N, C-alpha and C. Protein backbone atom coordinates (compact mmCIF):
# COMPACT_ATOMS: atom_id res chain seq x y z
N MET A 1 -18.95 -29.32 75.09
CA MET A 1 -19.51 -28.20 74.59
C MET A 1 -18.44 -27.60 73.68
N ASN A 2 -18.54 -26.95 72.80
CA ASN A 2 -17.63 -26.05 72.14
C ASN A 2 -17.47 -24.66 72.32
N GLY A 3 -18.16 -24.15 73.40
CA GLY A 3 -17.87 -22.84 73.97
C GLY A 3 -18.74 -22.04 73.12
N ASN A 4 -19.44 -22.39 71.76
CA ASN A 4 -20.35 -21.30 70.95
C ASN A 4 -21.94 -21.93 71.32
N GLU A 5 -22.17 -22.93 71.91
CA GLU A 5 -23.25 -23.18 72.89
C GLU A 5 -23.58 -22.79 73.87
N ASP A 6 -24.95 -22.28 74.18
CA ASP A 6 -25.52 -21.56 75.50
C ASP A 6 -25.59 -22.93 76.30
N GLN A 7 -24.79 -22.98 77.38
CA GLN A 7 -24.95 -24.14 78.45
C GLN A 7 -26.12 -23.96 79.13
N ARG A 8 -26.83 -23.04 79.21
CA ARG A 8 -27.98 -23.06 79.98
C ARG A 8 -29.32 -23.48 78.88
N SER A 9 -29.16 -23.50 78.00
CA SER A 9 -30.09 -24.29 76.89
C SER A 9 -30.56 -25.57 77.07
N ALA A 10 -31.78 -26.16 76.74
CA ALA A 10 -32.18 -27.37 76.99
C ALA A 10 -31.80 -28.03 75.67
N PRO A 11 -30.62 -28.62 75.31
CA PRO A 11 -30.11 -28.94 73.92
C PRO A 11 -31.25 -30.25 73.14
N SER A 12 -31.50 -31.30 74.49
CA SER A 12 -32.02 -32.45 74.44
C SER A 12 -33.61 -31.80 73.51
N LEU A 13 -34.27 -30.87 74.27
CA LEU A 13 -35.63 -30.46 74.01
C LEU A 13 -35.36 -29.91 72.39
N ALA A 14 -34.66 -29.11 72.06
CA ALA A 14 -34.44 -28.33 70.79
C ALA A 14 -34.22 -29.57 69.69
N SER A 15 -33.24 -30.52 70.02
CA SER A 15 -33.13 -31.65 69.17
C SER A 15 -34.42 -32.35 68.88
N LYS A 16 -35.10 -32.68 69.83
CA LYS A 16 -36.28 -33.61 69.54
C LYS A 16 -37.40 -33.10 68.87
N GLU A 17 -37.37 -31.59 69.04
CA GLU A 17 -38.67 -30.62 68.47
C GLU A 17 -38.17 -30.43 66.92
N SER A 18 -37.15 -30.54 66.84
CA SER A 18 -36.34 -30.40 65.22
C SER A 18 -36.44 -31.55 64.36
N SER A 19 -36.91 -32.82 65.42
CA SER A 19 -36.85 -34.24 64.64
C SER A 19 -38.07 -34.52 64.31
N GLY A 20 -39.14 -33.45 64.49
CA GLY A 20 -40.46 -33.87 64.18
C GLY A 20 -41.61 -33.88 65.33
N LEU A 21 -40.98 -34.14 66.58
CA LEU A 21 -42.05 -34.20 67.51
C LEU A 21 -42.67 -33.22 67.83
N GLY A 22 -42.28 -31.69 67.35
CA GLY A 22 -43.41 -30.71 67.35
C GLY A 22 -43.39 -30.32 69.04
N SER A 23 -43.64 -28.89 69.24
CA SER A 23 -43.32 -28.04 70.63
C SER A 23 -44.44 -28.76 71.42
N ILE A 24 -45.64 -29.12 71.06
CA ILE A 24 -46.67 -29.44 71.91
C ILE A 24 -46.63 -31.03 71.92
N HIS A 25 -46.39 -31.38 73.46
CA HIS A 25 -46.22 -32.76 73.81
C HIS A 25 -47.04 -33.22 75.06
N ASP A 26 -47.49 -34.53 75.35
CA ASP A 26 -48.56 -34.75 76.09
C ASP A 26 -47.85 -34.79 77.51
N ASN A 27 -46.68 -35.22 77.24
CA ASN A 27 -45.59 -35.62 78.65
C ASN A 27 -44.51 -34.62 78.33
N PHE A 28 -44.39 -33.58 78.72
CA PHE A 28 -43.09 -32.73 78.55
C PHE A 28 -41.85 -33.43 78.83
N HIS A 29 -41.81 -33.83 80.42
CA HIS A 29 -40.64 -34.72 80.77
C HIS A 29 -40.13 -35.79 79.93
N ASP A 30 -40.96 -36.44 78.75
CA ASP A 30 -40.27 -37.40 77.88
C ASP A 30 -39.39 -36.85 77.14
N LEU A 31 -39.76 -35.74 76.98
CA LEU A 31 -38.61 -34.75 75.88
C LEU A 31 -37.36 -34.48 76.54
N LEU A 32 -37.26 -34.43 77.99
CA LEU A 32 -35.86 -33.97 78.57
C LEU A 32 -35.04 -35.38 78.63
N ASP A 33 -33.90 -35.07 78.44
CA ASP A 33 -32.52 -35.79 78.31
C ASP A 33 -32.32 -36.34 79.66
N GLU A 34 -32.62 -37.39 80.41
CA GLU A 34 -32.14 -37.82 81.95
C GLU A 34 -30.82 -37.44 82.29
N ALA A 35 -29.73 -38.19 81.32
CA ALA A 35 -28.49 -37.83 81.63
C ALA A 35 -28.25 -36.60 81.80
N LEU A 36 -28.54 -35.58 80.92
CA LEU A 36 -28.36 -34.12 81.19
C LEU A 36 -29.10 -33.32 82.15
N TYR A 37 -30.25 -33.92 82.65
CA TYR A 37 -31.01 -33.51 83.53
C TYR A 37 -30.16 -33.98 84.76
N GLU A 38 -29.75 -35.00 85.20
CA GLU A 38 -29.31 -35.71 86.33
C GLU A 38 -27.73 -35.25 86.57
N SER A 39 -26.95 -34.49 85.56
CA SER A 39 -25.77 -34.40 85.25
C SER A 39 -25.32 -33.39 86.47
N ASP A 40 -24.08 -33.42 87.05
CA ASP A 40 -23.82 -32.39 87.97
C ASP A 40 -24.04 -31.01 87.50
N ASP A 41 -23.27 -30.70 86.33
CA ASP A 41 -23.15 -29.40 85.76
C ASP A 41 -24.52 -28.98 85.55
N PHE A 42 -25.39 -29.58 85.11
CA PHE A 42 -26.80 -29.14 84.92
C PHE A 42 -27.24 -28.66 86.23
N ARG A 43 -27.18 -29.46 86.99
CA ARG A 43 -27.45 -28.96 88.83
C ARG A 43 -27.17 -27.80 89.28
N MET A 44 -25.96 -27.86 89.20
CA MET A 44 -25.02 -26.77 89.55
C MET A 44 -25.48 -25.28 88.78
N TYR A 45 -25.35 -25.56 87.60
CA TYR A 45 -25.60 -24.02 86.57
C TYR A 45 -27.14 -24.18 85.79
N GLY A 46 -27.88 -25.16 86.05
CA GLY A 46 -29.05 -25.08 84.91
C GLY A 46 -30.23 -25.13 85.71
N TYR A 47 -30.30 -26.24 86.81
CA TYR A 47 -31.34 -26.57 87.68
C TYR A 47 -32.03 -25.35 87.98
N LYS A 48 -33.33 -24.94 87.77
CA LYS A 48 -34.11 -23.98 88.44
C LYS A 48 -33.26 -22.52 87.55
N VAL A 49 -32.60 -22.37 86.83
CA VAL A 49 -31.84 -21.30 86.23
C VAL A 49 -32.56 -20.58 85.29
N THR A 50 -32.68 -21.50 84.32
CA THR A 50 -33.24 -21.43 82.88
C THR A 50 -34.64 -21.46 82.86
N ARG A 51 -35.60 -20.48 82.16
CA ARG A 51 -36.72 -20.42 82.32
C ARG A 51 -37.56 -21.79 81.31
N CYS A 52 -38.32 -22.41 81.62
CA CYS A 52 -39.00 -23.08 81.13
C CYS A 52 -39.50 -23.04 79.63
N PRO A 53 -38.82 -23.85 78.74
CA PRO A 53 -39.30 -23.91 77.33
C PRO A 53 -40.59 -24.21 76.78
N SER A 54 -41.45 -25.05 77.99
CA SER A 54 -42.57 -25.78 77.76
C SER A 54 -43.50 -24.74 77.62
N ARG A 55 -44.77 -24.88 76.16
CA ARG A 55 -45.92 -24.13 76.61
C ARG A 55 -46.99 -24.98 76.54
N CYS A 56 -46.70 -26.30 76.96
CA CYS A 56 -47.77 -27.00 77.39
C CYS A 56 -48.18 -27.21 79.03
N ARG A 57 -49.42 -27.71 79.36
CA ARG A 57 -48.98 -27.55 81.28
C ARG A 57 -48.65 -28.91 81.69
N HIS A 58 -47.76 -28.73 82.33
CA HIS A 58 -47.16 -29.80 83.11
C HIS A 58 -47.05 -29.33 84.45
N ASN A 59 -46.42 -30.42 85.07
CA ASN A 59 -46.16 -30.30 86.84
C ASN A 59 -44.64 -29.86 86.90
N TRP A 60 -45.19 -28.54 87.21
CA TRP A 60 -43.75 -27.17 87.15
C TRP A 60 -42.76 -27.56 88.68
N MET A 61 -43.33 -28.45 89.59
CA MET A 61 -42.91 -29.06 90.81
C MET A 61 -41.46 -29.94 90.32
N SER A 62 -41.90 -30.74 89.33
CA SER A 62 -40.78 -31.59 89.00
C SER A 62 -39.97 -31.20 87.90
N CYS A 63 -40.50 -30.27 87.39
CA CYS A 63 -39.58 -29.54 86.24
C CYS A 63 -38.43 -28.77 86.39
N PRO A 64 -37.34 -29.36 85.88
CA PRO A 64 -36.00 -28.80 86.40
C PRO A 64 -35.83 -27.57 85.88
N PHE A 65 -36.87 -26.60 84.77
CA PHE A 65 -36.81 -25.09 84.63
C PHE A 65 -37.66 -24.36 85.73
N VAL A 66 -37.25 -23.25 85.70
CA VAL A 66 -37.91 -22.30 86.40
C VAL A 66 -39.02 -21.91 85.71
N HIS A 67 -40.38 -21.35 86.56
CA HIS A 67 -41.74 -21.21 86.05
C HIS A 67 -41.81 -19.84 86.96
N PHE A 68 -42.58 -19.02 86.35
CA PHE A 68 -42.94 -17.67 86.97
C PHE A 68 -43.73 -17.81 88.54
N GLY A 69 -43.15 -16.93 89.28
CA GLY A 69 -43.39 -17.06 90.60
C GLY A 69 -43.05 -17.93 91.61
N GLU A 70 -42.17 -18.71 90.76
CA GLU A 70 -41.52 -20.28 91.86
C GLU A 70 -40.51 -19.72 92.61
N LYS A 71 -40.38 -20.07 94.03
CA LYS A 71 -39.58 -19.75 95.00
C LYS A 71 -38.31 -20.41 94.92
N ALA A 72 -38.29 -21.67 93.92
CA ALA A 72 -36.92 -22.53 93.91
C ALA A 72 -35.92 -21.68 92.77
N ARG A 73 -36.72 -20.49 92.13
CA ARG A 73 -35.78 -19.84 91.05
C ARG A 73 -34.28 -19.51 91.98
N ARG A 74 -33.20 -19.97 90.97
CA ARG A 74 -31.80 -19.67 91.21
C ARG A 74 -31.49 -18.66 90.22
N ARG A 75 -30.26 -17.88 90.66
CA ARG A 75 -29.25 -17.12 89.71
C ARG A 75 -28.25 -18.37 89.24
N ASP A 76 -27.94 -17.91 87.86
CA ASP A 76 -27.05 -18.56 87.19
C ASP A 76 -25.23 -18.13 88.18
N PRO A 77 -24.50 -19.34 88.45
CA PRO A 77 -23.42 -18.57 89.49
C PRO A 77 -22.11 -18.42 88.64
N ARG A 78 -22.42 -18.76 87.08
CA ARG A 78 -21.63 -18.16 86.20
C ARG A 78 -21.89 -16.64 85.41
N LEU A 79 -23.17 -16.17 85.70
CA LEU A 79 -23.70 -14.48 85.65
C LEU A 79 -23.71 -13.96 86.77
N TYR A 80 -23.58 -14.37 88.00
CA TYR A 80 -24.28 -13.49 88.92
C TYR A 80 -22.84 -14.05 90.26
N TYR A 81 -22.38 -13.23 90.87
CA TYR A 81 -21.44 -13.42 91.72
C TYR A 81 -21.88 -13.61 93.13
N TYR A 82 -21.97 -14.72 93.65
CA TYR A 82 -22.49 -15.00 95.00
C TYR A 82 -21.83 -16.49 95.49
N VAL A 83 -21.91 -16.38 96.94
CA VAL A 83 -21.24 -17.54 97.28
C VAL A 83 -22.39 -18.45 97.91
N GLY A 84 -22.00 -19.63 98.40
CA GLY A 84 -22.62 -20.63 98.69
C GLY A 84 -22.78 -20.65 100.45
N ILE A 85 -23.07 -19.51 100.88
CA ILE A 85 -23.37 -19.25 102.09
C ILE A 85 -25.02 -18.43 102.18
N LEU A 86 -25.53 -18.96 103.19
CA LEU A 86 -27.15 -18.14 103.00
C LEU A 86 -27.15 -16.92 103.45
N CYS A 87 -27.87 -16.20 102.70
CA CYS A 87 -27.63 -14.79 103.47
C CYS A 87 -28.22 -14.50 104.43
N PRO A 88 -27.84 -13.67 105.14
CA PRO A 88 -28.29 -13.47 106.68
C PRO A 88 -29.94 -12.35 106.75
N ASP A 89 -29.96 -11.59 105.77
CA ASP A 89 -31.21 -10.97 105.58
C ASP A 89 -32.32 -12.25 104.87
N TYR A 90 -32.22 -12.88 104.28
CA TYR A 90 -33.11 -13.84 103.45
C TYR A 90 -33.29 -14.95 104.34
N LYS A 91 -32.53 -15.45 105.31
CA LYS A 91 -32.87 -16.71 106.50
C LYS A 91 -34.22 -16.76 107.23
N ASP A 92 -34.85 -17.69 107.35
CA ASP A 92 -35.93 -17.92 107.97
C ASP A 92 -37.04 -16.71 107.34
N GLY A 93 -37.21 -16.57 105.96
CA GLY A 93 -38.26 -16.20 105.48
C GLY A 93 -38.11 -14.96 105.14
N GLY A 94 -37.12 -14.13 105.47
CA GLY A 94 -36.80 -12.76 105.65
C GLY A 94 -36.79 -11.99 104.09
N MET A 95 -36.35 -10.99 103.74
CA MET A 95 -36.39 -10.62 102.65
C MET A 95 -35.19 -9.51 102.67
N CYS A 96 -34.25 -9.89 101.43
CA CYS A 96 -32.96 -9.35 101.06
C CYS A 96 -33.33 -8.24 100.09
N LEU A 97 -33.00 -6.67 100.59
CA LEU A 97 -33.39 -5.72 99.26
C LEU A 97 -32.20 -5.76 98.42
N ARG A 98 -31.14 -6.55 98.37
CA ARG A 98 -29.88 -6.66 97.40
C ARG A 98 -30.54 -7.28 96.42
N GLY A 99 -31.54 -8.23 96.46
CA GLY A 99 -31.99 -9.19 95.07
C GLY A 99 -30.74 -9.77 94.64
N ASP A 100 -30.72 -9.75 93.41
CA ASP A 100 -29.94 -10.19 92.58
C ASP A 100 -28.43 -9.94 92.57
N SER A 101 -28.28 -8.61 92.99
CA SER A 101 -26.98 -7.90 93.38
C SER A 101 -26.05 -8.92 94.81
N CYS A 102 -27.06 -9.46 95.51
CA CYS A 102 -26.47 -9.90 96.93
C CYS A 102 -25.39 -10.63 96.64
N VAL A 103 -24.31 -11.00 97.45
CA VAL A 103 -23.32 -11.77 97.30
C VAL A 103 -23.67 -12.88 98.08
N PHE A 104 -24.54 -13.21 98.67
CA PHE A 104 -24.76 -14.37 99.53
C PHE A 104 -25.95 -15.17 98.71
N ALA A 105 -26.46 -16.40 98.85
CA ALA A 105 -27.21 -17.24 98.36
C ALA A 105 -28.60 -17.17 99.10
N HIS A 106 -29.47 -16.89 98.38
CA HIS A 106 -31.12 -16.72 98.62
C HIS A 106 -31.96 -18.21 98.69
N GLY A 107 -31.95 -18.60 99.57
CA GLY A 107 -32.82 -19.89 99.67
C GLY A 107 -32.02 -21.27 99.62
N ALA A 108 -32.77 -22.31 99.94
CA ALA A 108 -32.07 -23.80 100.17
C ALA A 108 -31.41 -24.05 98.64
N PHE A 109 -32.04 -23.80 97.46
CA PHE A 109 -31.70 -24.42 96.06
C PHE A 109 -30.52 -23.62 95.67
N GLU A 110 -30.19 -22.13 96.00
CA GLU A 110 -29.15 -21.50 95.56
C GLU A 110 -28.22 -21.92 96.40
N HIS A 111 -28.19 -21.87 97.86
CA HIS A 111 -27.15 -22.41 98.79
C HIS A 111 -26.94 -23.91 98.49
N TRP A 112 -27.66 -24.83 98.58
CA TRP A 112 -26.99 -26.44 98.08
C TRP A 112 -26.66 -26.49 96.65
N LEU A 113 -27.29 -25.98 95.46
CA LEU A 113 -26.93 -26.28 94.39
C LEU A 113 -25.80 -25.32 93.89
N HIS A 114 -25.46 -24.54 94.73
CA HIS A 114 -24.14 -23.75 94.45
C HIS A 114 -22.91 -24.52 94.40
N PRO A 115 -22.20 -24.37 93.42
CA PRO A 115 -21.01 -25.09 93.35
C PRO A 115 -20.09 -25.35 94.51
N ASP A 116 -20.01 -24.29 95.39
CA ASP A 116 -19.14 -24.52 96.54
C ASP A 116 -19.49 -25.53 97.59
N LYS A 117 -20.87 -25.82 97.31
CA LYS A 117 -21.78 -26.48 98.23
C LYS A 117 -21.94 -28.19 97.64
N TYR A 118 -22.34 -28.01 96.76
CA TYR A 118 -23.35 -29.34 95.71
C TYR A 118 -22.17 -30.71 96.16
N ARG A 119 -22.77 -31.42 96.78
CA ARG A 119 -22.37 -32.60 97.11
C ARG A 119 -21.15 -32.67 97.95
N THR A 120 -21.21 -31.73 99.16
CA THR A 120 -19.81 -31.49 99.69
C THR A 120 -20.53 -32.45 100.85
N ARG A 121 -21.64 -32.81 101.14
CA ARG A 121 -21.67 -33.60 102.32
C ARG A 121 -22.35 -34.93 101.97
N MET A 122 -22.56 -36.04 102.55
CA MET A 122 -22.92 -37.22 102.39
C MET A 122 -24.70 -37.20 102.96
N CYS A 123 -25.39 -37.65 101.97
CA CYS A 123 -26.84 -37.87 102.08
C CYS A 123 -26.98 -38.77 103.22
N ASN A 124 -27.79 -38.51 104.11
CA ASN A 124 -28.30 -39.14 105.36
C ASN A 124 -28.71 -40.70 104.82
N ALA A 125 -29.64 -40.85 103.73
CA ALA A 125 -30.23 -42.09 103.05
C ALA A 125 -28.92 -43.02 102.11
N ARG A 126 -28.21 -41.91 101.75
CA ARG A 126 -26.76 -42.64 100.99
C ARG A 126 -27.74 -43.41 99.78
N ALA A 127 -27.38 -44.75 99.52
CA ALA A 127 -27.95 -45.34 98.18
C ALA A 127 -29.55 -45.55 98.07
N PHE A 128 -30.19 -45.42 99.46
CA PHE A 128 -31.82 -45.65 99.44
C PHE A 128 -32.44 -44.19 99.33
N CYS A 129 -31.69 -43.18 99.03
CA CYS A 129 -32.38 -42.04 98.55
C CYS A 129 -33.21 -42.11 97.43
N THR A 130 -34.41 -41.60 97.57
CA THR A 130 -35.35 -41.32 96.63
C THR A 130 -35.75 -40.14 95.84
N ARG A 131 -35.08 -39.21 96.29
CA ARG A 131 -35.12 -37.50 96.16
C ARG A 131 -35.04 -37.84 94.57
N ARG A 132 -35.83 -36.70 93.76
CA ARG A 132 -35.43 -36.52 92.30
C ARG A 132 -34.11 -35.96 92.34
N VAL A 133 -34.01 -34.88 92.78
CA VAL A 133 -32.77 -33.74 93.12
C VAL A 133 -32.54 -33.85 94.54
N CYS A 134 -30.90 -34.87 94.88
CA CYS A 134 -30.70 -34.42 96.20
C CYS A 134 -29.39 -33.42 96.20
N PHE A 135 -29.04 -32.62 97.07
CA PHE A 135 -27.78 -31.70 96.80
C PHE A 135 -26.72 -32.36 97.63
N PHE A 136 -26.99 -33.96 98.06
CA PHE A 136 -25.85 -34.59 98.91
C PHE A 136 -25.23 -35.63 97.91
N ALA A 137 -24.14 -36.07 98.40
CA ALA A 137 -23.34 -37.22 97.76
C ALA A 137 -24.10 -38.70 98.34
N HIS A 138 -23.91 -39.44 97.22
CA HIS A 138 -24.32 -40.72 97.84
C HIS A 138 -23.59 -41.72 97.95
N SER A 139 -22.32 -41.57 97.70
CA SER A 139 -20.99 -42.44 97.77
C SER A 139 -19.81 -41.51 97.90
N VAL A 140 -18.64 -41.95 98.63
CA VAL A 140 -17.53 -41.24 98.80
C VAL A 140 -17.12 -40.76 97.36
N GLN A 141 -17.21 -41.90 96.37
CA GLN A 141 -16.77 -41.05 94.70
C GLN A 141 -17.72 -39.73 94.21
N GLU A 142 -18.56 -39.58 94.89
CA GLU A 142 -19.20 -38.53 94.48
C GLU A 142 -19.26 -37.08 95.15
N LEU A 143 -18.38 -37.29 96.36
CA LEU A 143 -18.28 -36.51 97.38
C LEU A 143 -17.36 -35.30 96.85
N ARG A 144 -17.91 -34.10 96.97
CA ARG A 144 -16.76 -32.86 96.32
C ARG A 144 -16.20 -32.37 97.63
N GLN A 145 -15.17 -31.86 97.42
CA GLN A 145 -14.41 -30.67 98.39
C GLN A 145 -15.35 -29.24 98.42
N GLU A 146 -15.80 -29.11 99.69
CA GLU A 146 -16.57 -27.75 100.06
C GLU A 146 -15.32 -26.47 100.05
N THR A 147 -15.98 -25.55 99.49
CA THR A 147 -15.20 -24.26 99.28
C THR A 147 -15.32 -23.68 100.55
N SER A 148 -13.90 -23.50 101.27
CA SER A 148 -13.93 -22.55 102.57
C SER A 148 -13.62 -21.14 102.04
N TYR A 149 -14.22 -19.89 103.00
CA TYR A 149 -14.13 -18.74 102.64
C TYR A 149 -13.26 -18.37 103.87
N PRO A 150 -11.95 -17.70 103.69
CA PRO A 150 -11.05 -17.27 105.01
C PRO A 150 -12.07 -15.94 105.54
N TRP A 151 -12.74 -15.51 104.93
CA TRP A 151 -13.27 -14.33 106.00
C TRP A 151 -14.59 -14.38 106.41
N TYR A 152 -14.96 -15.89 106.25
CA TYR A 152 -16.24 -15.97 106.76
C TYR A 152 -16.48 -17.33 108.26
């Protein structure tokens, strides 16, 4: 990317729409660029952060974009300062009154997809993992170093 592009947008969708496929499509996920969707950068900074551009009905649970009322919604760690530690007020279904201004992660998606935590531990299933989105590393090569916080 050249810095002028919005990293949170879905370039594959925009380019395919402009190529004549149109904005209505029977299978919205056919329009997604799997390489983009499966990239570490997209998962840490775009997955369930960017609002879904689709106007057609589709399975929002498997869509990488956020939908109205969805609990998997995340804050973009490039725009909001928060660390990959679960908020003590939000744990166990609680409610954090600080909302988006809280410095801690709210929920599993914010916690495990945060750049400080993503793929810092091995997946129990390793190469046999069948999750569409897994927060964990499947090989030593995928393993990233976890950020430690001196104050925590």
